[in-house]
Amino acid sequence: MLEVRENNAIDWPLLIAEQAKSGLSKAAFCRQKGVKTAHFYYQQMMQAKRKKNHPVPLQEKGSHSLLMPIEIKKIENPKPIEALPLRFLLKNGLECILPSAIDSKRLKEIIEVFITC
């Protein structure tokens, strides 16, 4: 069970999940944990927005990894690798498609820009 103390960083996703399993109302749960109900509702809304708009990062318990899940699809009759474009799907939903023949220095520059988005 998660204990909340003043001056400690709160693991909001864990606290929200614990409340859902507790059977208590949000107000009663917050009183029990010493958390302001308004903060709980705000964090719950923000977590729901993040889940809706972004893939869930892969992370181990207590880790703050920025790794995102990827899906590798098998192509039945693949073209030679040189002919396939490079496709990037950014966390903001934008997609960038680059030719596979792009210069590695230019690709590095573009990826550095992606990281800042």
PDB file of N, CA and C in Angstrom:
ATOM      1  N   MET A   1       0.849  -1.180   0.000  1.00  0.00           N
ATOM      2  CA  MET A   1       0.000   0.000   0.000  1.00  0.00           C
ATOM      3  C   MET A   1       0.890   1.237   0.000  1.00  0.00           C
ATOM      4  N   LEU A   2       0.555   2.212  -0.801  1.00  0.00           N
ATOM      5  CA  LEU A   2       1.329   3.433  -0.947  1.00  0.00           C
ATOM      6  C   LEU A   2       0.998   4.385   0.193  1.00  0.00           C
ATOM      7  N   GLU A   3       2.019   4.888   0.858  1.00  0.00           N
ATOM      8  CA  GLU A   3       1.814   5.897   1.882  1.00  0.00           C
ATOM      9  C   GLU A   3       2.232   7.240   1.318  1.00  0.00           C
ATOM     10  N   VAL A   4       1.419   8.236   1.573  1.00  0.00           N
ATOM     11  CA  VAL A   4       1.715   9.575   1.088  1.00  0.00           C
ATOM     12  C   VAL A   4       2.098  10.424   2.282  1.00  0.00           C
ATOM     13  N   ARG A   5       3.247  11.049   2.189  1.00  0.00           N
ATOM     14  CA  ARG A   5       3.706  11.950   3.240  1.00  0.00           C
ATOM     15  C   ARG A   5       4.042  13.284   2.613  1.00  0.00           C
ATOM     16  N   GLU A   6       3.889  14.338   3.366  1.00  0.00           N
ATOM     17  CA  GLU A   6       4.228  15.655   2.852  1.00  0.00           C
ATOM     18  C   GLU A   6       5.702  15.683   2.472  1.00  0.00           C
ATOM     19  N   ASN A   7       6.045  16.434   1.447  1.00  0.00           N
ATOM     20  CA  ASN A   7       7.409  16.599   0.928  1.00  0.00           C
ATOM     21  C   ASN A   7       7.912  15.380   0.159  1.00  0.00           C
ATOM     22  N   ASN A   8       7.123  14.344   0.024  1.00  0.00           N
ATOM     23  CA  ASN A   8       7.524  13.193  -0.790  1.00  0.00           C
ATOM     24  C   ASN A   8       6.907  13.326  -2.167  1.00  0.00           C
ATOM     25  N   ALA A   9       7.630  12.893  -3.167  1.00  0.00           N
ATOM     26  CA  ALA A   9       7.060  12.857  -4.516  1.00  0.00           C
ATOM     27  C   ALA A   9       5.992  11.769  -4.531  1.00  0.00           C
ATOM     28  N   ILE A  10       4.862  12.072  -5.119  1.00  0.00           N
ATOM     29  CA  ILE A  10       3.753  11.120  -5.158  1.00  0.00           C
ATOM     30  C   ILE A  10       3.772  10.395  -6.494  1.00  0.00           C
ATOM     31  N   ASP A  11       3.675   9.090  -6.451  1.00  0.00           N
ATOM     32  CA  ASP A  11       3.554   8.287  -7.669  1.00  0.00           C
ATOM     33  C   ASP A  11       2.068   8.260  -8.007  1.00  0.00           C
ATOM     34  N   TRP A  12       1.637   9.285  -8.772  1.00  0.00           N
ATOM     35  CA  TRP A  12       0.212   9.448  -9.049  1.00  0.00           C
ATOM     36  C   TRP A  12      -0.411   8.248  -9.768  1.00  0.00           C
ATOM     37  N   PRO A  13       0.226   7.700 -10.797  1.00  0.00           N
ATOM     38  CA  PRO A  13      -0.411   6.532 -11.441  1.00  0.00           C
ATOM     39  C   PRO A  13      -0.653   5.388 -10.454  1.00  0.00           C
ATOM     40  N   LEU A  14       0.301   5.166  -9.561  1.00  0.00           N
ATOM     41  CA  LEU A  14       0.141   4.101  -8.565  1.00  0.00           C
ATOM     42  C   LEU A  14      -0.975   4.445  -7.583  1.00  0.00           C
ATOM     43  N   LEU A  15      -1.022   5.703  -7.141  1.00  0.00           N
ATOM     44  CA  LEU A  15      -2.046   6.133  -6.194  1.00  0.00           C
ATOM     45  C   LEU A  15      -3.444   6.043  -6.826  1.00  0.00           C
ATOM     46  N   ILE A  16      -3.561   6.443  -8.085  1.00  0.00           N
ATOM     47  CA  ILE A  16      -4.847   6.391  -8.787  1.00  0.00           C
ATOM     48  C   ILE A  16      -5.304   4.936  -8.945  1.00  0.00           C
ATOM     49  N   ALA A  17      -4.387   4.056  -9.286  1.00  0.00           N
ATOM     50  CA  ALA A  17      -4.722   2.634  -9.421  1.00  0.00           C
ATOM     51  C   ALA A  17      -5.134   2.049  -8.067  1.00  0.00           C
ATOM     52  N   GLU A  18      -4.442   2.462  -7.019  1.00  0.00           N
ATOM     53  CA  GLU A  18      -4.769   1.961  -5.672  1.00  0.00           C
ATOM     54  C   GLU A  18      -6.174   2.404  -5.266  1.00  0.00           C
ATOM     55  N   GLN A  19      -6.525   3.640  -5.583  1.00  0.00           N
ATOM     56  CA  GLN A  19      -7.869   4.135  -5.249  1.00  0.00           C
ATOM     57  C   GLN A  19      -8.924   3.326  -5.987  1.00  0.00           C
ATOM     58  N   ALA A  20      -8.680   3.041  -7.257  1.00  0.00           N
ATOM     59  CA  ALA A  20      -9.655   2.293  -8.055  1.00  0.00           C
ATOM     60  C   ALA A  20      -9.905   0.907  -7.457  1.00  0.00           C
ATOM     61  N   LYS A  21      -8.862   0.308  -6.904  1.00  0.00           N
ATOM     62  CA  LYS A  21      -8.989  -1.037  -6.319  1.00  0.00           C
ATOM     63  C   LYS A  21      -9.536  -1.005  -4.887  1.00  0.00           C
ATOM     64  N   SER A  22      -9.455   0.164  -4.243  1.00  0.00           N
ATOM     65  CA  SER A  22      -9.789   0.253  -2.822  1.00  0.00           C
ATOM     66  C   SER A  22     -11.277   0.109  -2.520  1.00  0.00           C
ATOM     67  N   GLY A  23     -12.125   0.495  -3.468  1.00  0.00           N
ATOM     68  CA  GLY A  23     -13.563   0.469  -3.197  1.00  0.00           C
ATOM     69  C   GLY A  23     -14.043   1.716  -2.471  1.00  0.00           C
ATOM     70  N   LEU A  24     -13.109   2.587  -2.103  1.00  0.00           N
ATOM     71  CA  LEU A  24     -13.465   3.843  -1.433  1.00  0.00           C
ATOM     72  C   LEU A  24     -13.793   4.906  -2.465  1.00  0.00           C
ATOM     73  N   SER A  25     -14.599   5.874  -2.037  1.00  0.00           N
ATOM     74  CA  SER A  25     -14.827   7.019  -2.915  1.00  0.00           C
ATOM     75  C   SER A  25     -13.507   7.787  -3.026  1.00  0.00           C
ATOM     76  N   LYS A  26     -13.390   8.604  -4.050  1.00  0.00           N
ATOM     77  CA  LYS A  26     -12.169   9.385  -4.212  1.00  0.00           C
ATOM     78  C   LYS A  26     -11.948  10.296  -3.011  1.00  0.00           C
ATOM     79  N   ALA A  27     -13.014  10.922  -2.536  1.00  0.00           N
ATOM     80  CA  ALA A  27     -12.898  11.831  -1.389  1.00  0.00           C
ATOM     81  C   ALA A  27     -12.427  11.076  -0.139  1.00  0.00           C
ATOM     82  N   ALA A  28     -13.031   9.918   0.137  1.00  0.00           N
ATOM     83  CA  ALA A  28     -12.644   9.137   1.321  1.00  0.00           C
ATOM     84  C   ALA A  28     -11.209   8.638   1.190  1.00  0.00           C
ATOM     85  N   PHE A  29     -10.844   8.194   0.013  1.00  0.00           N
ATOM     86  CA  PHE A  29      -9.479   7.713  -0.221  1.00  0.00           C
ATOM     87  C   PHE A  29      -8.472   8.836  -0.003  1.00  0.00           C
ATOM     88  N   CYS A  30      -8.780  10.019  -0.541  1.00  0.00           N
ATOM     89  CA  CYS A  30      -7.869  11.158  -0.394  1.00  0.00           C
ATOM     90  C   CYS A  30      -7.723  11.571   1.059  1.00  0.00           C
ATOM     91  N   ARG A  31      -8.839  11.564   1.805  1.00  0.00           N
ATOM     92  CA  ARG A  31      -8.761  11.879   3.251  1.00  0.00           C
ATOM     93  C   ARG A  31      -7.857  10.873   3.952  1.00  0.00           C
ATOM     94  N   GLN A  32      -8.036   9.592   3.615  1.00  0.00           N
ATOM     95  CA  GLN A  32      -7.244   8.533   4.245  1.00  0.00           C
ATOM     96  C   GLN A  32      -5.757   8.694   3.939  1.00  0.00           C
ATOM     97  N   LYS A  33      -5.431   9.120   2.717  1.00  0.00           N
ATOM     98  CA  LYS A  33      -4.034   9.249   2.296  1.00  0.00           C
ATOM     99  C   LYS A  33      -3.442  10.630   2.586  1.00  0.00           C
ATOM    100  N   GLY A  34      -4.298  11.573   2.979  1.00  0.00           N
ATOM    101  CA  GLY A  34      -3.795  12.919   3.247  1.00  0.00           C
ATOM    102  C   GLY A  34      -3.463  13.688   1.979  1.00  0.00           C
ATOM    103  N   VAL A  35      -4.229  13.433   0.923  1.00  0.00           N
ATOM    104  CA  VAL A  35      -4.018  14.081  -0.363  1.00  0.00           C
ATOM    105  C   VAL A  35      -5.202  15.004  -0.622  1.00  0.00           C
ATOM    106  N   LYS A  36      -4.931  16.161  -1.203  1.00  0.00           N
ATOM    107  CA  LYS A  36      -6.021  17.069  -1.550  1.00  0.00           C
ATOM    108  C   LYS A  36      -6.822  16.449  -2.694  1.00  0.00           C
ATOM    109  N   THR A  37      -8.127  16.423  -2.527  1.00  0.00           N
ATOM    110  CA  THR A  37      -9.009  15.812  -3.512  1.00  0.00           C
ATOM    111  C   THR A  37      -8.874  16.488  -4.874  1.00  0.00           C
ATOM    112  N   ALA A  38      -8.739  17.800  -4.887  1.00  0.00           N
ATOM    113  CA  ALA A  38      -8.592  18.521  -6.153  1.00  0.00           C
ATOM    114  C   ALA A  38      -7.333  18.078  -6.883  1.00  0.00           C
ATOM    115  N   HIS A  39      -6.237  17.846  -6.151  1.00  0.00           N
ATOM    116  CA  HIS A  39      -5.003  17.368  -6.776  1.00  0.00           C
ATOM    117  C   HIS A  39      -5.195  15.975  -7.362  1.00  0.00           C
ATOM    118  N   PHE A  40      -5.921  15.143  -6.630  1.00  0.00           N
ATOM    119  CA  PHE A  40      -6.168  13.785  -7.104  1.00  0.00           C
ATOM    120  C   PHE A  40      -6.949  13.808  -8.416  1.00  0.00           C
ATOM    121  N   TYR A  41      -8.037  14.594  -8.452  1.00  0.00           N
ATOM    122  CA  TYR A  41      -8.844  14.681  -9.673  1.00  0.00           C
ATOM    123  C   TYR A  41      -8.033  15.238 -10.837  1.00  0.00           C
ATOM    124  N   TYR A  42      -7.221  16.246 -10.563  1.00  0.00           N
ATOM    125  CA  TYR A  42      -6.390  16.828 -11.618  1.00  0.00           C
ATOM    126  C   TYR A  42      -5.420  15.791 -12.173  1.00  0.00           C
ATOM    127  N   GLN A  43      -4.720  15.082 -11.292  1.00  0.00           N
ATOM    128  CA  GLN A  43      -3.750  14.081 -11.736  1.00  0.00           C
ATOM    129  C   GLN A  43      -4.434  12.945 -12.476  1.00  0.00           C
ATOM    130  N   GLN A  44      -5.615  12.573 -12.039  1.00  0.00           N
ATOM    131  CA  GLN A  44      -6.373  11.515 -12.721  1.00  0.00           C
ATOM    132  C   GLN A  44      -6.743  11.963 -14.132  1.00  0.00           C
ATOM    133  N   MET A  45      -7.178  13.219 -14.280  1.00  0.00           N
ATOM    134  CA  MET A  45      -7.522  13.756 -15.600  1.00  0.00           C
ATOM    135  C   MET A  45      -6.284  13.805 -16.494  1.00  0.00           C
ATOM    136  N   MET A  46      -5.149  14.252 -15.958  1.00  0.00           N
ATOM    137  CA  MET A  46      -3.919  14.342 -16.738  1.00  0.00           C
ATOM    138  C   MET A  46      -3.446  12.958 -17.171  1.00  0.00           C
ATOM    139  N   GLN A  47      -3.555  11.990 -16.292  1.00  0.00           N
ATOM    140  CA  GLN A  47      -3.147  10.622 -16.633  1.00  0.00           C
ATOM    141  C   GLN A  47      -4.038  10.073 -17.748  1.00  0.00           C
ATOM    142  N   ALA A  48      -5.323  10.340 -17.688  1.00  0.00           N
ATOM    143  CA  ALA A  48      -6.244   9.878 -18.731  1.00  0.00           C
ATOM    144  C   ALA A  48      -5.910  10.536 -20.069  1.00  0.00           C
ATOM    145  N   LYS A  49      -5.568  11.817 -20.053  1.00  0.00           N
ATOM    146  CA  LYS A  49      -5.180  12.518 -21.288  1.00  0.00           C
ATOM    147  C   LYS A  49      -3.919  11.916 -21.876  1.00  0.00           C
ATOM    148  N   ARG A  50      -2.930  11.642 -21.021  1.00  0.00           N
ATOM    149  CA  ARG A  50      -1.672  11.060 -21.503  1.00  0.00           C
ATOM    150  C   ARG A  50      -1.909   9.694 -22.124  1.00  0.00           C
ATOM    151  N   LYS A  51      -2.731   8.891 -21.508  1.00  0.00           N
ATOM    152  CA  LYS A  51      -3.017   7.559 -22.048  1.00  0.00           C
ATOM    153  C   LYS A  51      -3.735   7.660 -23.387  1.00  0.00           C
ATOM    154  N   LYS A  52      -4.611   8.648 -23.520  1.00  0.00           N
ATOM    155  CA  LYS A  52      -5.370   8.811 -24.750  1.00  0.00           C
ATOM    156  C   LYS A  52      -4.489   9.310 -25.891  1.00  0.00           C
ATOM    157  N   ASN A  53      -3.583  10.230 -25.596  1.00  0.00           N
ATOM    158  CA  ASN A  53      -2.795  10.895 -26.633  1.00  0.00           C
ATOM    159  C   ASN A  53      -1.449  10.258 -26.936  1.00  0.00           C
ATOM    160  N   HIS A  54      -0.940   9.443 -26.049  1.00  0.00           N
ATOM    161  CA  HIS A  54       0.412   8.921 -26.237  1.00  0.00           C
ATOM    162  C   HIS A  54       0.470   7.443 -25.889  1.00  0.00           C
ATOM    163  N   PRO A  55       1.336   6.718 -26.575  1.00  0.00           N
ATOM    164  CA  PRO A  55       1.566   5.335 -26.164  1.00  0.00           C
ATOM    165  C   PRO A  55       2.156   5.302 -24.754  1.00  0.00           C
ATOM    166  N   VAL A  56       1.957   4.203 -24.088  1.00  0.00           N
ATOM    167  CA  VAL A  56       2.471   4.061 -22.737  1.00  0.00           C
ATOM    168  C   VAL A  56       3.950   3.699 -22.780  1.00  0.00           C
ATOM    169  N   PRO A  57       4.819   4.467 -22.093  1.00  0.00           N
ATOM    170  CA  PRO A  57       6.245   4.122 -22.088  1.00  0.00           C
ATOM    171  C   PRO A  57       6.480   2.776 -21.425  1.00  0.00           C
ATOM    172  N   LEU A  58       7.455   2.053 -21.928  1.00  0.00           N
ATOM    173  CA  LEU A  58       7.859   0.813 -21.287  1.00  0.00           C
ATOM    174  C   LEU A  58       8.724   1.195 -20.096  1.00  0.00           C
ATOM    175  N   GLN A  59       8.377   0.738 -18.932  1.00  0.00           N
ATOM    176  CA  GLN A  59       9.214   1.041 -17.787  1.00  0.00           C
ATOM    177  C   GLN A  59       9.048  -0.022 -16.710  1.00  0.00           C
ATOM    178  N   GLU A  60      10.147  -0.256 -16.046  1.00  0.00           N
ATOM    179  CA  GLU A  60      10.107  -1.177 -14.933  1.00  0.00           C
ATOM    180  C   GLU A  60       9.620  -0.416 -13.722  1.00  0.00           C
ATOM    181  N   LYS A  61       9.200  -1.129 -12.708  1.00  0.00           N
ATOM    182  CA  LYS A  61       8.695  -0.504 -11.506  1.00  0.00           C
ATOM    183  C   LYS A  61       9.715   0.499 -10.958  1.00  0.00           C
ATOM    184  N   GLY A  62       9.285   1.718 -10.735  1.00  0.00           N
ATOM    185  CA  GLY A  62      10.159   2.740 -10.179  1.00  0.00           C
ATOM    186  C   GLY A  62      11.076   3.399 -11.184  1.00  0.00           C
ATOM    187  N   SER A  63      11.062   2.958 -12.415  1.00  0.00           N
ATOM    188  CA  SER A  63      11.932   3.505 -13.459  1.00  0.00           C
ATOM    189  C   SER A  63      11.219   4.633 -14.183  1.00  0.00           C
ATOM    190  N   HIS A  64      11.992   5.541 -14.762  1.00  0.00           N
ATOM    191  CA  HIS A  64      11.411   6.623 -15.553  1.00  0.00           C
ATOM    192  C   HIS A  64      11.965   6.549 -16.968  1.00  0.00           C
ATOM    193  N   SER A  65      11.888   5.392 -17.568  1.00  0.00           N
ATOM    194  CA  SER A  65      12.417   5.160 -18.902  1.00  0.00           C
ATOM    195  C   SER A  65      11.600   5.904 -19.946  1.00  0.00           C
ATOM    196  N   LEU A  66      12.257   6.329 -21.013  1.00  0.00           N
ATOM    197  CA  LEU A  66      11.584   7.001 -22.112  1.00  0.00           C
ATOM    198  C   LEU A  66      11.392   6.078 -23.305  1.00  0.00           C
ATOM    199  N   LEU A  67      11.612   4.794 -23.113  1.00  0.00           N
ATOM    200  CA  LEU A  67      11.431   3.844 -24.198  1.00  0.00           C
ATOM    201  C   LEU A  67       9.956   3.694 -24.519  1.00  0.00           C
ATOM    202  N   MET A  68       9.659   3.603 -25.792  1.00  0.00           N
ATOM    203  CA  MET A  68       8.292   3.436 -26.226  1.00  0.00           C
ATOM    204  C   MET A  68       8.170   2.088 -26.933  1.00  0.00           C
ATOM    205  N   PRO A  69       7.011   1.442 -26.807  1.00  0.00           N
ATOM    206  CA  PRO A  69       6.848   0.154 -27.491  1.00  0.00           C
ATOM    207  C   PRO A  69       6.826   0.357 -29.003  1.00  0.00           C
ATOM    208  N   ILE A  70       7.383  -0.612 -29.709  1.00  0.00           N
ATOM    209  CA  ILE A  70       7.337  -0.586 -31.168  1.00  0.00           C
ATOM    210  C   ILE A  70       6.748  -1.898 -31.645  1.00  0.00           C
ATOM    211  N   GLU A  71       6.227  -1.877 -32.844  1.00  0.00           N
ATOM    212  CA  GLU A  71       5.667  -3.090 -33.428  1.00  0.00           C
ATOM    213  C   GLU A  71       6.423  -3.382 -34.712  1.00  0.00           C
ATOM    214  N   ILE A  72       6.916  -4.599 -34.838  1.00  0.00           N
ATOM    215  CA  ILE A  72       7.618  -5.007 -36.044  1.00  0.00           C
ATOM    216  C   ILE A  72       6.682  -5.910 -36.830  1.00  0.00           C
ATOM    217  N   LYS A  73       6.378  -5.467 -38.045  1.00  0.00           N
ATOM    218  CA  LYS A  73       5.463  -6.230 -38.874  1.00  0.00           C
ATOM    219  C   LYS A  73       6.253  -6.998 -39.929  1.00  0.00           C
ATOM    220  N   LYS A  74       5.854  -8.236 -40.155  1.00  0.00           N
ATOM    221  CA  LYS A  74       6.493  -9.046 -41.173  1.00  0.00           C
ATOM    222  C   LYS A  74       5.885  -8.692 -42.524  1.00  0.00           C
ATOM    223  N   ILE A  75       6.744  -8.418 -43.500  1.00  0.00           N
ATOM    224  CA  ILE A  75       6.295  -8.095 -44.847  1.00  0.00           C
ATOM    225  C   ILE A  75       6.478  -9.347 -45.694  1.00  0.00           C
ATOM    226  N   GLU A  76       5.403  -9.775 -46.351  1.00  0.00           N
ATOM    227  CA  GLU A  76       5.433 -11.024 -47.112  1.00  0.00           C
ATOM    228  C   GLU A  76       6.466 -11.025 -48.240  1.00  0.00           C
ATOM    229  N   ASN A  77       6.395 -10.100 -49.129  1.00  0.00           N
ATOM    230  CA  ASN A  77       7.346 -10.016 -50.241  1.00  0.00           C
ATOM    231  C   ASN A  77       8.105  -8.701 -50.113  1.00  0.00           C
ATOM    232  N   PRO A  78       9.092  -8.678 -49.213  1.00  0.00           N
ATOM    233  CA  PRO A  78       9.753  -7.403 -48.951  1.00  0.00           C
ATOM    234  C   PRO A  78      10.554  -6.897 -50.140  1.00  0.00           C
ATOM    235  N   LYS A  79      10.554  -5.576 -50.282  1.00  0.00           N
ATOM    236  CA  LYS A  79      11.411  -4.935 -51.269  1.00  0.00           C
ATOM    237  C   LYS A  79      12.823  -4.947 -50.704  1.00  0.00           C
ATOM    238  N   PRO A  80      13.801  -4.758 -51.547  1.00  0.00           N
ATOM    239  CA  PRO A  80      15.155  -4.628 -50.991  1.00  0.00           C
ATOM    240  C   PRO A  80      15.171  -3.495 -49.961  1.00  0.00           C
ATOM    241  N   ILE A  81      15.918  -3.677 -48.906  1.00  0.00           N
ATOM    242  CA  ILE A  81      15.910  -2.741 -47.791  1.00  0.00           C
ATOM    243  C   ILE A  81      16.206  -1.304 -48.224  1.00  0.00           C
ATOM    244  N   GLU A  82      17.013  -1.117 -49.254  1.00  0.00           N
ATOM    245  CA  GLU A  82      17.352   0.227 -49.709  1.00  0.00           C
ATOM    246  C   GLU A  82      16.127   0.974 -50.228  1.00  0.00           C
ATOM    247  N   ALA A  83      15.133   0.247 -50.733  1.00  0.00           N
ATOM    248  CA  ALA A  83      13.979   0.882 -51.347  1.00  0.00           C
ATOM    249  C   ALA A  83      12.910   1.295 -50.335  1.00  0.00           C
ATOM    250  N   LEU A  84      12.995   0.817 -49.098  1.00  0.00           N
ATOM    251  CA  LEU A  84      11.977   1.134 -48.104  1.00  0.00           C
ATOM    252  C   LEU A  84      12.264   2.490 -47.457  1.00  0.00           C
ATOM    253  N   PRO A  85      11.252   3.345 -47.358  1.00  0.00           N
ATOM    254  CA  PRO A  85      11.468   4.640 -46.706  1.00  0.00           C
ATOM    255  C   PRO A  85      11.571   4.469 -45.189  1.00  0.00           C
ATOM    256  N   LEU A  86      12.165   5.453 -44.530  1.00  0.00           N
ATOM    257  CA  LEU A  86      12.248   5.481 -43.071  1.00  0.00           C
ATOM    258  C   LEU A  86      11.020   6.232 -42.566  1.00  0.00           C
ATOM    259  N   ARG A  87      10.286   5.631 -41.659  1.00  0.00           N
ATOM    260  CA  ARG A  87       9.039   6.230 -41.160  1.00  0.00           C
ATOM    261  C   ARG A  87       9.158   6.452 -39.667  1.00  0.00           C
ATOM    262  N   PHE A  88       8.939   7.682 -39.232  1.00  0.00           N
ATOM    263  CA  PHE A  88       8.979   8.040 -37.824  1.00  0.00           C
ATOM    264  C   PHE A  88       7.606   8.542 -37.415  1.00  0.00           C
ATOM    265  N   LEU A  89       7.077   8.012 -36.331  1.00  0.00           N
ATOM    266  CA  LEU A  89       5.816   8.486 -35.784  1.00  0.00           C
ATOM    267  C   LEU A  89       6.151   9.150 -34.454  1.00  0.00           C
ATOM    268  N   LEU A  90       5.985  10.463 -34.393  1.00  0.00           N
ATOM    269  CA  LEU A  90       6.340  11.214 -33.202  1.00  0.00           C
ATOM    270  C   LEU A  90       5.257  11.099 -32.143  1.00  0.00           C
ATOM    271  N   LYS A  91       5.629  11.330 -30.886  1.00  0.00           N
ATOM    272  CA  LYS A  91       4.668  11.176 -29.809  1.00  0.00           C
ATOM    273  C   LYS A  91       3.538  12.190 -29.877  1.00  0.00           C
ATOM    274  N   ASN A  92       3.721  13.277 -30.638  1.00  0.00           N
ATOM    275  CA  ASN A  92       2.639  14.252 -30.798  1.00  0.00           C
ATOM    276  C   ASN A  92       1.693  13.866 -31.933  1.00  0.00           C
ATOM    277  N   GLY A  93       1.916  12.695 -32.552  1.00  0.00           N
ATOM    278  CA  GLY A  93       1.044  12.187 -33.593  1.00  0.00           C
ATOM    279  C   GLY A  93       1.496  12.493 -35.012  1.00  0.00           C
ATOM    280  N   LEU A  94       2.494  13.356 -35.164  1.00  0.00           N
ATOM    281  CA  LEU A  94       2.991  13.671 -36.498  1.00  0.00           C
ATOM    282  C   LEU A  94       3.813  12.515 -37.039  1.00  0.00           C
ATOM    283  N   GLU A  95       3.781  12.356 -38.347  1.00  0.00           N
ATOM    284  CA  GLU A  95       4.525  11.294 -39.002  1.00  0.00           C
ATOM    285  C   GLU A  95       5.510  11.917 -39.985  1.00  0.00           C
ATOM    286  N   CYS A  96       6.713  11.378 -40.013  1.00  0.00           N
ATOM    287  CA  CYS A  96       7.732  11.854 -40.940  1.00  0.00           C
ATOM    288  C   CYS A  96       8.239  10.656 -41.732  1.00  0.00           C
ATOM    289  N   ILE A  97       8.229  10.787 -43.051  1.00  0.00           N
ATOM    290  CA  ILE A  97       8.721   9.715 -43.918  1.00  0.00           C
ATOM    291  C   ILE A  97       9.901  10.266 -44.702  1.00  0.00           C
ATOM    292  N   LEU A  98      11.045   9.579 -44.592  1.00  0.00           N
ATOM    293  CA  LEU A  98      12.274  10.007 -45.251  1.00  0.00           C
ATOM    294  C   LEU A  98      12.735   8.923 -46.217  1.00  0.00           C
ATOM    295  N   PRO A  99      13.418   9.309 -47.273  1.00  0.00           N
ATOM    296  CA  PRO A  99      13.938   8.292 -48.195  1.00  0.00           C
ATOM    297  C   PRO A  99      15.032   7.477 -47.515  1.00  0.00           C
ATOM    298  N   SER A 100      15.101   6.208 -47.840  1.00  0.00           N
ATOM    299  CA  SER A 100      16.102   5.342 -47.202  1.00  0.00           C
ATOM    300  C   SER A 100      17.522   5.711 -47.628  1.00  0.00           C
ATOM    301  N   ALA A 101      17.664   6.435 -48.718  1.00  0.00           N
ATOM    302  CA  ALA A 101      18.991   6.816 -49.205  1.00  0.00           C
ATOM    303  C   ALA A 101      19.506   8.102 -48.548  1.00  0.00           C
ATOM    304  N   ILE A 102      18.823   8.562 -47.503  1.00  0.00           N
ATOM    305  CA  ILE A 102      19.227   9.806 -46.856  1.00  0.00           C
ATOM    306  C   ILE A 102      20.631   9.666 -46.256  1.00  0.00           C
ATOM    307  N   ASP A 103      21.395  10.733 -46.343  1.00  0.00           N
ATOM    308  CA  ASP A 103      22.746  10.773 -45.801  1.00  0.00           C
ATOM    309  C   ASP A 103      22.676  10.605 -44.281  1.00  0.00           C
ATOM    310  N   SER A 104      23.559   9.794 -43.712  1.00  0.00           N
ATOM    311  CA  SER A 104      23.513   9.506 -42.279  1.00  0.00           C
ATOM    312  C   SER A 104      23.707  10.762 -41.430  1.00  0.00           C
ATOM    313  N   LYS A 105      24.524  11.712 -41.895  1.00  0.00           N
ATOM    314  CA  LYS A 105      24.721  12.959 -41.149  1.00  0.00           C
ATOM    315  C   LYS A 105      23.414  13.756 -41.104  1.00  0.00           C
ATOM    316  N   ARG A 106      22.722  13.819 -42.223  1.00  0.00           N
ATOM    317  CA  ARG A 106      21.444  14.538 -42.291  1.00  0.00           C
ATOM    318  C   ARG A 106      20.391  13.839 -41.434  1.00  0.00           C
ATOM    319  N   LEU A 107      20.385  12.501 -41.458  1.00  0.00           N
ATOM    320  CA  LEU A 107      19.452  11.734 -40.647  1.00  0.00           C
ATOM    321  C   LEU A 107      19.678  12.027 -39.166  1.00  0.00           C
ATOM    322  N   LYS A 108      20.940  12.084 -38.761  1.00  0.00           N
ATOM    323  CA  LYS A 108      21.263  12.381 -37.363  1.00  0.00           C
ATOM    324  C   LYS A 108      20.728  13.757 -36.979  1.00  0.00           C
ATOM    325  N   GLU A 109      20.888  14.737 -37.849  1.00  0.00           N
ATOM    326  CA  GLU A 109      20.387  16.089 -37.579  1.00  0.00           C
ATOM    327  C   GLU A 109      18.865  16.077 -37.402  1.00  0.00           C
ATOM    328  N   ILE A 110      18.195  15.342 -38.275  1.00  0.00           N
ATOM    329  CA  ILE A 110      16.729  15.284 -38.195  1.00  0.00           C
ATOM    330  C   ILE A 110      16.290  14.608 -36.911  1.00  0.00           C
ATOM    331  N   ILE A 111      16.938  13.520 -36.532  1.00  0.00           N
ATOM    332  CA  ILE A 111      16.586  12.809 -35.306  1.00  0.00           C
ATOM    333  C   ILE A 111      16.797  13.705 -34.088  1.00  0.00           C
ATOM    334  N   GLU A 112      17.873  14.498 -34.087  1.00  0.00           N
ATOM    335  CA  GLU A 112      18.109  15.426 -32.983  1.00  0.00           C
ATOM    336  C   GLU A 112      16.977  16.439 -32.856  1.00  0.00           C
ATOM    337  N   VAL A 113      16.426  16.857 -33.974  1.00  0.00           N
ATOM    338  CA  VAL A 113      15.271  17.769 -33.943  1.00  0.00           C
ATOM    339  C   VAL A 113      14.057  17.035 -33.384  1.00  0.00           C
ATOM    340  N   PHE A 114      13.839  15.767 -33.789  1.00  0.00           N
ATOM    341  CA  PHE A 114      12.716  14.983 -33.290  1.00  0.00           C
ATOM    342  C   PHE A 114      12.765  14.873 -31.763  1.00  0.00           C
ATOM    343  N   ILE A 115      13.930  14.682 -31.226  1.00  0.00           N
ATOM    344  CA  ILE A 115      14.080  14.505 -29.782  1.00  0.00           C
ATOM    345  C   ILE A 115      13.595  15.738 -29.034  1.00  0.00           C
ATOM    346  N   THR A 116      13.727  16.900 -29.630  1.00  0.00           N
ATOM    347  CA  THR A 116      13.294  18.124 -28.952  1.00  0.00           C
ATOM    348  C   THR A 116      11.795  18.368 -29.064  1.00  0.00           C
ATOM    349  N   CYS A 117      11.098  17.609 -29.907  1.00  0.00           N
ATOM    350  CA  CYS A 117       9.650  17.823 -30.088  1.00  0.00           C
ATOM    351  C   CYS A 117       8.867  17.259 -28.932  1.00  0.00           C
TER     352      CYS A 117
END
